[in-house]
Amino acid sequence: MDTRRRGRRRFREAICCAGSLIAYGLLPASAAVAGDDVSGLPEVSIGTSLPPGLADPGGIRRDLARRGILVGANYIGEYFGVASGGLNQDGHYDGRLELWVDVDLGKMAGWNGLTFHANGYQIHGSSITAESVGSLMPVSFIEATPATRLFEVYLEQTLLDGKISIRAGQIAADSEFIISDGASALLNGTWGWPSITAADLPNGGPAYPLPAPGVRIAITPSETYGVMGAVFNGDVVDDCGPDEDPQQCNAHGLDFPFGDGALFMAEAFYRYATGALPGRVKIGGWYHTGEFENLADPSIVETGDHGIYAIWDQVVTKLDGEGRNIAVFARVAGAPGDQNEVDFYAEGGLTVTGPLASRPNDLFGIGFAYTGISDAAVAADRDAGLPVVRNYEALLEASYTAVIVPGFSIQPDLQYFWNPGAGVPDEDGTGQVENALVLGVRSTVNY
């Protein structure tokens, strides 16, 4: 499956396992290591519900945490099937095991504010998006070519009591940029790394499962406002042909491409409160220095490509004083139509944290997303005499996360696609693939 159809990262899974953390959309999914009184467990872990011998065999995790080393694992397993429409009505299982380590080098070596992070995946199963739906917006954000691969590896230095943060190494843009907190309640990949960046940036851009070498700096003078910017290598793989799978070109994440131009990203945020109801807005954009073919006239090669986006998250009502609430989210993005397959993207939705008073950590989400194909791409389809001319793809998703215990959740999910693939031919080549109804369930364990 093409790397364009990917997105998202570990902290999203932690959020899905503890809906209460999304209550205000302002809490990071990180594990705390404070003083000598440490458990060695991540902030959200099934280990808190297990006997000590299973949560921390031999006390290894606690001993490591006292030395500044935090280790963890999580597993996502899911089954999806196409109930109607799409390319076919097959079912698919896929899964992803993640192992990660965070090292506090201040505690370990006396270098205050410096941390090291690394994580990797074992990905298995089959892709319902590529094999049975054919959509631009992938059914699941964990879908990827089966492999065992390294993901992010970086050093991060904080200064001025955390007001400045500098991260350098192999990093993923979808870990921090273009993120809507409310959209984390849903499973489709577009809610994380949206289809516009996945389609328009070379080989999908620096996002799961292919990060890129880069440097990111974040400046947060207060909790109210802040800015961050990053520069990444312009491509996530080296010497990969147009008909090759980029994930096969960098099969284990051990290549570190360099010298393919540069991708610059920048984003600013502002937090506010309407009475007791918090909200946040973000504005950002990207610029790529590479060369891009003009879709209307392939003989023309243009230098540089760019895009802009805006995000809004807002709590609209509180159901009680314990974190249960209803919130809305929206995101819109655009890019030049003459050199990009997708020139417009929009999404919006609603989340309910603790829909039942008896289940305050459960999370319900519903969202609608739209991917618009550029006029130049549509004209190119017509000029090529294709039997189906692309126009748009739309998605409606509803999902409910039931937190069984902290760190373990079950998540039934429904997705409906209009014009999968923005309109692609069916098997006979005479008609268009029908709208698709996809049903599935996911289980997530954070250990």
Protein backbone atom coordinates (compact mmCIF):
# COMPACT_ATOMS: atom_id res chain seq x y z
CA MET A 1 0.00 0.00 0.00
CA ASP A 2 1.27 3.47 -0.92
CA THR A 3 2.85 5.44 1.93
CA ARG A 4 0.41 8.26 1.19
CA ARG A 5 -2.19 6.28 3.10
CA ARG A 6 -0.64 6.42 6.50
CA GLY A 7 -0.49 8.66 9.54
CA ARG A 8 -0.38 9.00 13.27
CA ARG A 9 1.70 7.95 16.13
CA ARG A 10 1.91 6.36 19.61
CA PHE A 11 0.40 9.21 21.66
CA ARG A 12 -2.85 8.85 19.67
CA GLU A 13 -3.21 5.27 20.84
CA ALA A 14 -2.73 6.36 24.44
CA ILE A 15 -5.44 8.97 23.97
CA CYS A 16 -7.80 6.34 22.57
CA CYS A 17 -7.19 4.22 25.66
CA ALA A 18 -8.03 7.06 28.03
CA GLY A 19 -10.70 9.35 26.69
CA SER A 20 -10.51 11.56 29.73
CA LEU A 21 -7.10 12.83 28.57
CA ILE A 22 -8.79 14.37 25.54
CA ALA A 23 -11.17 16.28 27.75
CA TYR A 24 -9.44 19.55 26.98
CA GLY A 25 -7.12 18.42 24.21
CA LEU A 26 -4.20 19.91 26.06
CA LEU A 27 -2.44 16.96 27.72
CA PRO A 28 0.62 15.27 26.20
CA ALA A 29 0.81 11.48 26.14
CA SER A 30 4.11 11.11 27.93
CA ALA A 31 5.26 9.04 30.85
CA ALA A 32 6.32 10.72 34.05
CA VAL A 33 9.55 9.94 35.87
CA ALA A 34 9.81 12.06 39.02
CA GLY A 35 12.22 11.61 41.87
CA ASP A 36 12.89 8.14 43.23
CA ASP A 37 9.22 7.24 43.72
CA VAL A 38 8.65 5.85 40.24
CA SER A 39 6.74 2.87 38.92
CA GLY A 40 8.52 2.60 35.59
CA LEU A 41 5.10 2.36 33.89
CA PRO A 42 3.81 4.70 31.19
CA GLU A 43 1.18 7.23 32.20
CA VAL A 44 -1.54 5.06 30.65
CA SER A 45 -0.73 1.36 31.06
CA ILE A 46 -2.56 -1.90 31.55
CA GLY A 47 0.24 -2.62 34.00
CA THR A 48 -1.65 -0.63 36.64
CA SER A 49 -4.32 -3.38 36.55
CA LEU A 50 -1.88 -6.31 36.54
CA PRO A 51 -0.11 -8.06 39.41
CA PRO A 52 3.31 -6.47 40.09
CA GLY A 53 5.11 -9.51 38.73
CA LEU A 54 3.45 -9.04 35.34
CA ALA A 55 3.47 -5.25 35.26
CA ASP A 56 7.15 -5.04 36.14
CA PRO A 57 8.88 -8.46 36.08
CA GLY A 58 11.69 -8.50 38.59
CA GLY A 59 11.32 -4.76 39.17
CA ILE A 60 13.34 -4.07 36.01
CA ARG A 61 11.16 -1.20 34.78
CA ARG A 62 11.28 0.54 38.16
CA ASP A 63 15.08 0.19 38.36
CA LEU A 64 15.50 1.52 34.83
CA ALA A 65 13.16 4.46 35.55
CA ARG A 66 15.23 5.45 38.57
CA ARG A 67 18.16 5.71 36.18
CA GLY A 68 16.14 7.78 33.72
CA ILE A 69 15.17 5.01 31.31
CA LEU A 70 11.53 4.38 30.53
CA VAL A 71 10.53 1.47 28.27
CA GLY A 72 7.15 0.40 27.00
CA ALA A 73 5.18 -1.49 24.41
CA ASN A 74 1.76 -1.29 22.85
CA TYR A 75 -0.18 -3.49 20.50
CA ILE A 76 -3.04 -2.63 18.17
CA GLY A 77 -5.01 -5.42 16.55
CA GLU A 78 -8.02 -4.80 14.33
CA TYR A 79 -10.36 -6.46 11.89
CA PHE A 80 -12.23 -4.58 9.16
CA GLY A 81 -14.58 -5.78 6.46
CA VAL A 82 -16.35 -4.14 3.54
CA ALA A 83 -20.09 -4.63 4.05
CA SER A 84 -21.02 -3.17 0.64
CA GLY A 85 -19.40 -1.45 -2.33
CA GLY A 86 -15.69 -0.89 -2.70
CA LEU A 87 -13.41 -3.13 -4.75
CA ASN A 88 -14.70 -6.29 -3.05
CA GLN A 89 -16.38 -7.45 0.16
CA ASP A 90 -13.39 -9.11 1.83
CA GLY A 91 -12.33 -8.88 5.48
CA HIS A 92 -8.83 -8.05 6.72
CA TYR A 93 -6.85 -8.31 9.95
CA ASP A 94 -3.85 -6.13 10.60
CA GLY A 95 -1.79 -5.46 13.68
CA ARG A 96 1.10 -3.40 14.94
CA LEU A 97 3.44 -3.97 17.87
CA GLU A 98 5.44 -0.96 19.03
CA LEU A 99 8.46 -0.97 21.33
CA TRP A 100 9.80 2.35 22.59
CA VAL A 101 12.37 3.81 24.96
CA ASP A 102 12.77 7.29 26.47
CA VAL A 103 16.03 8.19 28.22
CA ASP A 104 16.43 11.18 30.53
CA LEU A 105 20.08 12.06 29.98
CA GLY A 106 19.91 14.62 32.76
CA LYS A 107 19.23 11.87 35.28
CA MET A 108 21.58 9.41 33.59
CA ALA A 109 24.52 11.61 32.63
CA GLY A 110 23.93 15.02 34.18
CA TRP A 111 23.00 16.79 30.94
CA ASN A 112 19.93 18.65 32.13
CA GLY A 113 17.03 18.93 29.70
CA LEU A 114 18.41 16.42 27.19
CA THR A 115 16.38 13.30 26.36
CA PHE A 116 16.69 10.47 23.86
CA HIS A 117 13.74 8.72 22.20
CA ALA A 118 13.53 5.73 19.88
CA ASN A 119 10.69 3.48 18.79
CA GLY A 120 10.08 0.78 16.24
CA TYR A 121 7.25 -1.32 14.85
CA GLN A 122 6.48 -4.87 13.87
CA ILE A 123 3.66 -4.49 11.33
CA HIS A 124 1.70 -7.45 10.02
CA GLY A 125 -1.56 -8.36 8.29
CA SER A 126 -3.19 -7.07 5.13
CA SER A 127 -4.45 -3.68 3.98
CA ILE A 128 -8.21 -3.33 3.59
CA THR A 129 -7.71 0.08 1.98
CA ALA A 130 -5.45 -1.11 -0.84
CA GLU A 131 -7.09 -4.49 -1.41
CA SER A 132 -10.81 -3.92 -0.79
CA VAL A 133 -11.72 -0.21 -0.64
CA GLY A 134 -9.36 1.72 -2.94
CA SER A 135 -9.79 4.98 -1.05
CA LEU A 136 -7.39 7.93 -0.74
CA MET A 137 -8.19 8.18 2.96
CA PRO A 138 -6.97 4.92 4.58
CA VAL A 139 -9.39 2.98 6.75
CA SER A 140 -6.82 2.65 9.56
CA PHE A 141 -3.89 4.80 10.56
CA ILE A 142 -1.75 1.73 11.34
CA GLU A 143 -1.96 0.26 7.82
CA ALA A 144 1.46 -0.23 6.28
CA THR A 145 3.49 -2.76 4.33
CA PRO A 146 4.24 -5.70 6.68
CA ALA A 147 7.73 -5.21 8.10
CA THR A 148 9.84 -4.81 11.20
CA ARG A 149 11.10 -1.26 11.08
CA LEU A 150 12.74 1.50 13.05
CA PHE A 151 10.61 4.64 13.26
CA GLU A 152 11.72 7.77 15.14
CA VAL A 153 15.18 8.21 16.68
CA TYR A 154 16.06 11.63 18.06
CA LEU A 155 17.62 13.77 20.77
CA GLU A 156 15.56 16.57 22.32
CA GLN A 157 16.95 19.47 24.34
CA THR A 158 14.70 21.72 26.41
CA LEU A 159 15.77 25.16 27.62
CA LEU A 160 14.34 27.90 29.84
CA ASP A 161 12.19 25.53 31.89
CA GLY A 162 10.77 23.89 28.80
CA LYS A 163 9.83 27.08 26.97
CA ILE A 164 12.21 26.14 24.14
CA SER A 165 12.56 22.64 22.73
CA ILE A 166 14.93 21.49 20.00
CA ARG A 167 14.54 18.03 18.47
CA ALA A 168 16.97 16.51 15.96
CA GLY A 169 17.24 13.10 14.34
CA GLN A 170 14.93 10.92 12.31
CA ILE A 171 11.52 12.44 13.04
CA ALA A 172 7.98 12.36 11.74
CA ALA A 173 5.97 15.47 10.95
CA ASP A 174 2.69 13.80 11.89
CA SER A 175 3.91 13.42 15.47
CA GLU A 176 3.43 17.15 16.10
CA PHE A 177 2.21 19.04 13.03
CA ILE A 178 -1.34 19.34 11.63
CA ILE A 179 -2.89 17.60 14.65
CA SER A 180 -6.49 18.12 15.74
CA ASP A 181 -7.11 16.79 19.24
CA GLY A 182 -10.75 15.88 18.66
CA ALA A 183 -9.96 13.90 15.51
CA SER A 184 -7.86 11.52 17.63
CA ALA A 185 -11.11 9.77 18.58
CA LEU A 186 -11.33 8.29 15.05
CA LEU A 187 -9.37 5.59 13.22
CA ASN A 188 -9.07 6.61 9.58
CA GLY A 189 -5.57 7.74 8.67
CA THR A 190 -6.69 11.08 7.27
CA TRP A 191 -7.60 12.40 10.74
CA GLY A 192 -3.88 12.37 11.54
CA TRP A 193 -1.75 13.00 8.44
CA PRO A 194 -4.43 14.34 6.09
CA SER A 195 -4.90 13.10 2.56
CA ILE A 196 -3.74 16.42 1.08
CA THR A 197 -0.20 16.14 2.49
CA ALA A 198 -0.12 12.38 1.91
CA ALA A 199 -1.02 12.88 -1.76
CA ASP A 200 0.98 16.01 -2.55
CA LEU A 201 4.34 15.53 -0.78
CA PRO A 202 6.97 13.19 -2.29
CA ASN A 203 6.22 9.58 -1.30
CA GLY A 204 3.68 10.80 1.23
CA GLY A 205 5.94 13.08 3.25
CA PRO A 206 7.64 12.41 6.62
CA ALA A 207 4.81 10.52 8.29
CA TYR A 208 4.09 7.00 9.54
CA PRO A 209 5.66 4.64 8.70
CA LEU A 210 8.44 6.64 7.00
CA PRO A 211 9.96 9.56 8.95
CA ALA A 212 12.89 11.60 7.65
CA PRO A 213 16.03 13.27 9.02
CA GLY A 214 15.13 16.67 10.36
CA VAL A 215 15.32 19.34 13.03
CA ARG A 216 12.36 20.85 14.89
CA ILE A 217 12.31 23.84 17.25
CA ALA A 218 9.31 24.75 19.42
CA ILE A 219 8.98 28.01 21.38
CA THR A 220 6.22 28.16 23.98
CA PRO A 221 6.46 31.31 26.10
CA SER A 222 3.25 30.34 27.92
CA GLU A 223 0.46 27.78 27.81
CA THR A 224 -1.58 30.32 25.88
CA TYR A 225 0.48 30.59 22.70
CA GLY A 226 3.51 29.19 20.93
CA VAL A 227 5.16 28.48 17.59
CA MET A 228 7.19 25.65 16.11
CA GLY A 229 9.05 25.08 12.91
CA ALA A 230 10.92 22.21 11.32
CA VAL A 231 13.02 21.31 8.33
CA PHE A 232 13.03 17.74 6.97
CA ASN A 233 14.87 16.05 4.16
CA GLY A 234 12.74 16.54 1.06
CA ASP A 235 12.04 12.84 0.52
CA VAL A 236 11.58 9.89 2.86
CA VAL A 237 13.46 7.44 0.60
CA ASP A 238 16.43 7.48 -1.76
CA ASP A 239 16.44 6.16 -5.35
CA CYS A 240 12.90 4.81 -5.35
CA GLY A 241 11.20 4.49 -8.74
CA PRO A 242 7.69 5.80 -9.43
CA ASP A 243 6.29 2.27 -9.62
CA GLU A 244 8.04 1.02 -6.46
CA ASP A 245 6.62 0.89 -2.94
CA PRO A 246 8.57 3.48 -0.90
CA GLN A 247 8.26 1.25 2.15
CA GLN A 248 10.05 -1.51 0.26
CA CYS A 249 12.74 0.93 -0.81
CA ASN A 250 13.41 1.61 2.89
CA ALA A 251 12.24 -1.76 4.15
CA HIS A 252 13.39 -1.53 7.77
CA GLY A 253 13.68 2.21 8.38
CA LEU A 254 17.46 1.98 8.52
CA ASP A 255 18.13 4.28 5.56
CA PHE A 256 18.50 7.94 6.42
CA PRO A 257 17.92 9.82 3.14
CA PHE A 258 19.68 13.14 2.65
CA GLY A 259 20.10 15.59 -0.18
CA ASP A 260 16.62 15.55 -1.77
CA GLY A 261 15.78 19.18 -1.23
CA ALA A 262 14.03 20.31 1.93
CA LEU A 263 10.56 20.38 3.41
CA PHE A 264 9.88 23.31 5.75
CA MET A 265 6.91 23.28 8.12
CA ALA A 266 5.71 25.94 10.57
CA GLU A 267 2.77 26.15 12.95
CA ALA A 268 1.45 28.56 15.59
CA PHE A 269 -1.21 27.91 18.23
CA TYR A 270 -3.36 30.01 20.54
CA ARG A 271 -5.35 28.69 23.49
CA TYR A 272 -8.32 30.57 24.90
CA ALA A 273 -11.40 30.02 27.05
CA THR A 274 -14.99 31.03 26.50
CA GLY A 275 -16.14 31.11 30.08
CA ALA A 276 -15.09 27.72 31.44
CA LEU A 277 -14.94 26.15 27.97
CA PRO A 278 -11.38 25.86 26.57
CA GLY A 279 -10.47 25.99 22.91
CA ARG A 280 -7.44 26.13 20.65
CA VAL A 281 -6.71 27.34 17.14
CA LYS A 282 -3.68 26.49 15.01
CA ILE A 283 -2.44 28.00 11.75
CA GLY A 284 0.39 26.46 9.76
CA GLY A 285 1.86 25.65 6.40
CA TRP A 286 4.57 23.83 4.48
CA TYR A 287 7.00 24.61 1.68
CA HIS A 288 8.98 22.08 -0.37
CA THR A 289 12.03 23.21 -2.33
CA GLY A 290 11.95 20.41 -4.91
CA GLU A 291 10.79 20.30 -8.52
CA PHE A 292 7.18 19.41 -9.33
CA GLU A 293 5.56 18.56 -12.64
CA ASN A 294 2.76 20.79 -13.86
CA LEU A 295 -0.31 18.54 -14.13
CA ALA A 296 -1.87 20.53 -16.95
CA ASP A 297 1.36 20.54 -18.98
CA PRO A 298 3.88 17.83 -17.94
CA SER A 299 6.58 19.53 -20.02
CA ILE A 300 6.61 22.33 -17.44
CA VAL A 301 8.57 21.67 -14.25
CA GLU A 302 7.98 24.11 -11.42
CA THR A 303 10.31 24.74 -8.50
CA GLY A 304 8.75 24.65 -5.07
CA ASP A 305 5.39 23.59 -3.69
CA HIS A 306 3.45 24.74 -0.66
CA GLY A 307 0.27 24.47 1.35
CA ILE A 308 -1.52 26.08 4.29
CA TYR A 309 -3.90 24.82 6.97
CA ALA A 310 -5.97 25.88 9.97
CA ILE A 311 -7.31 23.82 12.89
CA TRP A 312 -9.95 24.52 15.53
CA ASP A 313 -10.76 22.50 18.67
CA GLN A 314 -13.45 23.71 21.06
CA VAL A 315 -15.21 22.28 24.12
CA VAL A 316 -18.85 23.33 23.72
CA THR A 317 -20.35 22.00 26.93
CA LYS A 318 -19.34 20.19 30.10
CA LEU A 319 -21.38 17.20 31.20
CA ASP A 320 -19.98 17.37 34.74
CA GLY A 321 -17.00 18.73 36.61
CA GLU A 322 -14.94 15.53 36.25
CA GLY A 323 -13.80 15.81 32.62
CA ARG A 324 -16.91 14.62 30.78
CA ASN A 325 -17.70 17.01 27.94
CA ILE A 326 -18.77 17.54 24.35
CA ALA A 327 -16.30 19.12 21.93
CA VAL A 328 -16.12 19.98 18.24
CA PHE A 329 -13.19 20.06 15.85
CA ALA A 330 -12.49 21.32 12.33
CA ARG A 331 -9.53 21.41 9.96
CA VAL A 332 -9.08 22.86 6.49
CA ALA A 333 -6.06 22.82 4.15
CA GLY A 334 -5.25 23.98 0.63
CA ALA A 335 -2.44 23.72 -1.95
CA PRO A 336 -1.85 25.02 -5.50
CA GLY A 337 -3.96 23.09 -7.99
CA ASP A 338 -1.63 23.26 -11.00
CA GLN A 339 0.96 20.89 -9.52
CA ASN A 340 -0.93 18.92 -6.89
CA GLU A 341 -3.37 16.04 -7.17
CA VAL A 342 -5.29 17.32 -4.12
CA ASP A 343 -5.81 21.05 -3.75
CA PHE A 344 -8.46 21.20 -1.01
CA TYR A 345 -9.15 19.26 2.17
CA ALA A 346 -11.71 19.85 4.93
CA GLU A 347 -12.95 17.93 7.95
CA GLY A 348 -15.13 18.47 10.99
CA GLY A 349 -16.69 16.50 13.76
CA LEU A 350 -17.81 16.06 17.32
CA THR A 351 -16.51 14.08 20.28
CA VAL A 352 -18.16 13.13 23.55
CA THR A 353 -15.87 12.26 26.45
CA GLY A 354 -17.70 10.11 28.99
CA PRO A 355 -21.00 9.76 27.09
CA LEU A 356 -22.33 7.73 30.05
CA ALA A 357 -21.85 8.88 33.64
CA SER A 358 -21.07 5.28 34.57
CA ARG A 359 -18.26 5.19 31.96
CA PRO A 360 -16.47 8.54 32.25
CA ASN A 361 -13.38 7.43 30.29
CA ASP A 362 -15.18 6.16 27.20
CA LEU A 363 -15.07 8.26 24.07
CA PHE A 364 -17.47 8.68 21.16
CA GLY A 365 -16.48 10.46 17.97
CA ILE A 366 -18.10 11.22 14.65
CA GLY A 367 -16.50 13.11 11.77
CA PHE A 368 -16.81 14.00 8.11
CA ALA A 369 -13.81 14.53 5.79
CA TYR A 370 -13.61 15.76 2.19
CA THR A 371 -10.71 15.40 -0.25
CA GLY A 372 -10.97 17.53 -3.38
CA ILE A 373 -9.09 16.67 -6.58
CA SER A 374 -7.56 19.68 -8.33
CA ASP A 375 -8.93 20.99 -11.63
CA ALA A 376 -5.57 20.31 -13.28
CA ALA A 377 -5.69 16.64 -12.22
CA VAL A 378 -9.28 16.36 -13.44
CA ALA A 379 -8.30 17.88 -16.79
CA ALA A 380 -5.37 15.48 -17.06
CA ASP A 381 -7.77 12.53 -16.54
CA ARG A 382 -10.03 13.86 -19.29
CA ASP A 383 -7.14 14.45 -21.69
CA ALA A 384 -5.93 10.90 -21.08
CA GLY A 385 -9.36 9.55 -22.00
CA LEU A 386 -9.78 7.69 -18.73
CA PRO A 387 -13.13 5.89 -18.32
CA VAL A 388 -13.67 7.54 -14.93
CA VAL A 389 -12.61 11.12 -14.19
CA ARG A 390 -11.71 11.78 -10.57
CA ASN A 391 -13.50 14.52 -8.67
CA TYR A 392 -13.62 14.06 -4.87
CA GLU A 393 -13.69 11.54 -2.06
CA ALA A 394 -15.75 11.96 1.12
CA LEU A 395 -15.77 10.02 4.37
CA LEU A 396 -18.14 9.71 7.32
CA GLU A 397 -16.81 7.87 10.37
CA ALA A 398 -18.33 7.05 13.76
CA SER A 399 -16.40 5.28 16.50
CA TYR A 400 -16.81 4.38 20.16
CA THR A 401 -13.84 3.68 22.42
CA ALA A 402 -14.75 1.54 25.43
CA VAL A 403 -12.00 1.67 28.05
CA ILE A 404 -12.06 -1.74 29.74
CA VAL A 405 -9.25 -0.86 32.16
CA PRO A 406 -6.64 1.91 31.84
CA GLY A 407 -4.39 0.89 28.97
CA PHE A 408 -6.83 -1.55 27.35
CA SER A 409 -9.69 -0.53 25.08
CA ILE A 410 -12.09 -1.99 22.53
CA GLN A 411 -13.21 0.26 19.68
CA PRO A 412 -16.02 -0.62 17.23
CA ASP A 413 -15.95 1.56 14.12
CA LEU A 414 -18.08 2.44 11.08
CA GLN A 415 -16.86 4.23 7.95
CA TYR A 416 -18.70 5.18 4.78
CA PHE A 417 -16.84 6.34 1.66
CA TRP A 418 -18.33 8.32 -1.21
CA ASN A 419 -16.36 7.98 -4.46
CA PRO A 420 -13.53 5.77 -3.14
CA GLY A 421 -10.26 6.89 -4.68
CA ALA A 422 -12.07 10.07 -5.79
CA GLY A 423 -13.61 7.91 -8.53
CA VAL A 424 -11.72 4.89 -9.88
CA PRO A 425 -12.77 2.30 -12.48
CA ASP A 426 -14.31 -0.97 -11.32
CA GLU A 427 -12.89 -4.38 -12.27
CA ASP A 428 -14.58 -4.29 -15.68
CA GLY A 429 -13.15 -0.86 -16.42
CA THR A 430 -16.53 0.35 -17.62
CA GLY A 431 -17.97 1.84 -14.43
CA GLN A 432 -16.92 3.38 -11.16
CA VAL A 433 -16.22 1.65 -7.86
CA GLU A 434 -19.33 1.92 -5.71
CA ASN A 435 -19.54 3.79 -2.42
CA ALA A 436 -18.18 1.61 0.37
CA LEU A 437 -19.47 0.77 3.84
CA VAL A 438 -16.71 -0.51 6.14
CA LEU A 439 -17.27 -2.02 9.59
CA GLY A 440 -14.59 -3.03 12.05
CA VAL A 441 -13.33 -3.32 15.60
CA ARG A 442 -9.96 -2.52 17.16
CA SER A 443 -8.34 -3.54 20.41
CA THR A 444 -5.46 -1.53 21.90
CA VAL A 445 -3.14 -2.52 24.74
CA ASN A 446 -0.57 -0.14 26.22
CA TYR A 447 1.92 -1.90 28.50
